[in-house]
Amino acid sequence: MKSSENDLTPAAAPAGQRDEATDLPGLPTWRGVYFFVFGSFILWVLLLLALTMSYS
C-alpha cells in the first residue's frame, strides 16, 4: 500500500500534529475541546447558582 504525503494517519502525520487533530468541525484541536467542555461546565454551574438564588 502506497502512502501519499496528504495522508494524515498517525504514522504519517508530523510530530506536532499527531495528537492535535480531532476531526470535529468547530473544534480542530484538543485544547479547544477541553476549553469548550470546561466553559460549558462553568456556564451550567453559574446558571444553576443563578436559578437557585432567584427561586429561594
N, C-alpha and C. Protein backbone atom coordinates (compact mmCIF):
# COMPACT_ATOMS: atom_id res chain seq x y z
N MET A 1 0.85 -1.17 0.00
CA MET A 1 0.00 0.00 0.00
C MET A 1 0.90 1.23 0.00
N LYS A 2 0.67 2.11 -0.93
CA LYS A 2 1.49 3.30 -1.07
C LYS A 2 0.83 4.46 -0.35
N SER A 3 1.58 5.14 0.53
CA SER A 3 1.01 6.28 1.26
C SER A 3 1.38 7.57 0.55
N SER A 4 0.48 8.51 0.59
CA SER A 4 0.74 9.81 -0.03
C SER A 4 1.14 10.82 1.04
N GLU A 5 1.64 11.97 0.61
CA GLU A 5 2.05 13.00 1.55
C GLU A 5 0.86 13.65 2.23
N ASN A 6 -0.33 13.59 1.63
CA ASN A 6 -1.52 14.22 2.20
C ASN A 6 -2.23 13.31 3.19
N ASP A 7 -1.77 12.09 3.34
CA ASP A 7 -2.39 11.14 4.27
C ASP A 7 -1.97 11.51 5.69
N LEU A 8 -2.94 11.87 6.56
CA LEU A 8 -2.63 12.30 7.92
C LEU A 8 -2.96 11.22 8.95
N THR A 9 -2.58 10.00 8.64
CA THR A 9 -2.72 8.95 9.65
C THR A 9 -1.67 9.19 10.72
N PRO A 10 -1.83 8.62 11.91
CA PRO A 10 -0.85 8.88 12.97
C PRO A 10 0.58 8.57 12.58
N ALA A 11 0.79 7.58 11.74
CA ALA A 11 2.16 7.25 11.35
C ALA A 11 2.73 8.28 10.39
N ALA A 12 1.88 8.90 9.56
CA ALA A 12 2.35 9.83 8.55
C ALA A 12 2.24 11.28 8.96
N ALA A 13 1.56 11.58 10.06
CA ALA A 13 1.36 12.96 10.48
C ALA A 13 2.64 13.53 11.07
N PRO A 14 2.85 14.84 10.90
CA PRO A 14 4.01 15.46 11.54
C PRO A 14 3.92 15.35 13.06
N ALA A 15 5.05 15.41 13.72
CA ALA A 15 5.11 15.18 15.17
C ALA A 15 4.22 16.15 15.94
N GLY A 16 4.14 17.41 15.55
CA GLY A 16 3.33 18.38 16.27
C GLY A 16 1.85 18.22 16.06
N GLN A 17 1.43 17.60 14.98
CA GLN A 17 0.00 17.46 14.66
C GLN A 17 -0.52 16.07 14.92
N ARG A 18 0.29 15.17 15.37
CA ARG A 18 -0.13 13.78 15.52
C ARG A 18 -1.26 13.65 16.54
N ASP A 19 -1.19 14.36 17.68
CA ASP A 19 -2.19 14.23 18.72
C ASP A 19 -3.17 15.39 18.74
N GLU A 20 -3.05 16.34 17.85
CA GLU A 20 -3.86 17.55 17.91
C GLU A 20 -5.15 17.47 17.11
N ALA A 21 -5.22 16.71 16.05
CA ALA A 21 -6.40 16.69 15.19
C ALA A 21 -7.56 15.96 15.85
N THR A 22 -8.74 16.59 15.86
CA THR A 22 -9.92 15.97 16.47
C THR A 22 -10.96 15.55 15.45
N ASP A 23 -10.88 16.06 14.24
CA ASP A 23 -11.85 15.80 13.18
C ASP A 23 -13.24 16.33 13.51
N LEU A 24 -13.33 17.29 14.43
CA LEU A 24 -14.59 17.94 14.75
C LEU A 24 -14.67 19.24 13.92
N PRO A 25 -15.85 19.56 13.40
CA PRO A 25 -15.93 20.72 12.50
C PRO A 25 -15.61 22.05 13.17
N GLY A 26 -16.01 22.29 14.39
CA GLY A 26 -15.78 23.58 15.01
C GLY A 26 -14.62 23.62 15.98
N LEU A 27 -14.11 22.44 16.34
CA LEU A 27 -13.04 22.36 17.33
C LEU A 27 -11.90 21.52 16.75
N PRO A 28 -10.97 22.14 16.06
CA PRO A 28 -9.93 21.37 15.38
C PRO A 28 -8.84 20.81 16.30
N THR A 29 -8.66 21.37 17.51
CA THR A 29 -7.61 20.87 18.40
C THR A 29 -8.22 20.39 19.71
N TRP A 30 -7.49 19.52 20.40
CA TRP A 30 -7.96 19.02 21.68
C TRP A 30 -7.97 20.11 22.73
N ARG A 31 -7.07 21.06 22.63
CA ARG A 31 -7.08 22.18 23.58
C ARG A 31 -8.40 22.94 23.46
N GLY A 32 -8.89 23.14 22.25
CA GLY A 32 -10.18 23.78 22.06
C GLY A 32 -11.33 22.98 22.63
N VAL A 33 -11.26 21.67 22.49
CA VAL A 33 -12.29 20.79 23.05
C VAL A 33 -12.31 20.91 24.58
N TYR A 34 -11.13 20.89 25.18
CA TYR A 34 -11.06 21.00 26.65
C TYR A 34 -11.58 22.34 27.14
N PHE A 35 -11.24 23.43 26.44
CA PHE A 35 -11.74 24.75 26.83
C PHE A 35 -13.25 24.82 26.66
N PHE A 36 -13.79 24.22 25.60
CA PHE A 36 -15.23 24.22 25.39
C PHE A 36 -15.95 23.45 26.50
N VAL A 37 -15.45 22.28 26.85
CA VAL A 37 -16.08 21.47 27.90
C VAL A 37 -16.00 22.19 29.24
N PHE A 38 -14.84 22.75 29.57
CA PHE A 38 -14.69 23.46 30.83
C PHE A 38 -15.58 24.70 30.87
N GLY A 39 -15.64 25.44 29.77
CA GLY A 39 -16.51 26.62 29.70
C GLY A 39 -17.98 26.25 29.83
N SER A 40 -18.38 25.15 29.22
CA SER A 40 -19.77 24.69 29.34
C SER A 40 -20.09 24.31 30.78
N PHE A 41 -19.16 23.65 31.45
CA PHE A 41 -19.35 23.28 32.85
C PHE A 41 -19.52 24.52 33.72
N ILE A 42 -18.66 25.51 33.53
CA ILE A 42 -18.75 26.75 34.31
C ILE A 42 -20.08 27.46 34.03
N LEU A 43 -20.51 27.47 32.78
CA LEU A 43 -21.79 28.10 32.43
C LEU A 43 -22.94 27.42 33.15
N TRP A 44 -22.98 26.08 33.17
CA TRP A 44 -24.05 25.36 33.85
C TRP A 44 -24.04 25.61 35.35
N VAL A 45 -22.85 25.65 35.94
CA VAL A 45 -22.76 25.92 37.38
C VAL A 45 -23.29 27.32 37.68
N LEU A 46 -22.93 28.30 36.87
CA LEU A 46 -23.41 29.67 37.08
C LEU A 46 -24.93 29.77 36.87
N LEU A 47 -25.44 29.07 35.88
CA LEU A 47 -26.90 29.07 35.66
C LEU A 47 -27.63 28.42 36.84
N LEU A 48 -27.12 27.31 37.33
CA LEU A 48 -27.73 26.66 38.49
C LEU A 48 -27.67 27.56 39.72
N LEU A 49 -26.58 28.25 39.91
CA LEU A 49 -26.45 29.18 41.03
C LEU A 49 -27.44 30.33 40.90
N ALA A 50 -27.56 30.88 39.70
CA ALA A 50 -28.49 32.00 39.49
C ALA A 50 -29.94 31.56 39.71
N LEU A 51 -30.30 30.39 39.20
CA LEU A 51 -31.66 29.91 39.38
C LEU A 51 -31.95 29.58 40.85
N THR A 52 -30.98 29.03 41.53
CA THR A 52 -31.15 28.73 42.96
C THR A 52 -31.38 30.00 43.76
N MET A 53 -30.60 31.02 43.45
CA MET A 53 -30.75 32.29 44.18
C MET A 53 -32.05 32.99 43.83
N SER A 54 -32.51 32.88 42.58
CA SER A 54 -33.74 33.59 42.21
C SER A 54 -35.00 32.91 42.72
N TYR A 55 -34.98 31.59 42.92
CA TYR A 55 -36.17 30.88 43.39
C TYR A 55 -36.15 30.54 44.87
N SER A 56 -35.17 30.99 45.61
CA SER A 56 -35.13 30.67 47.04
C SER A 56 -35.55 31.86 47.88
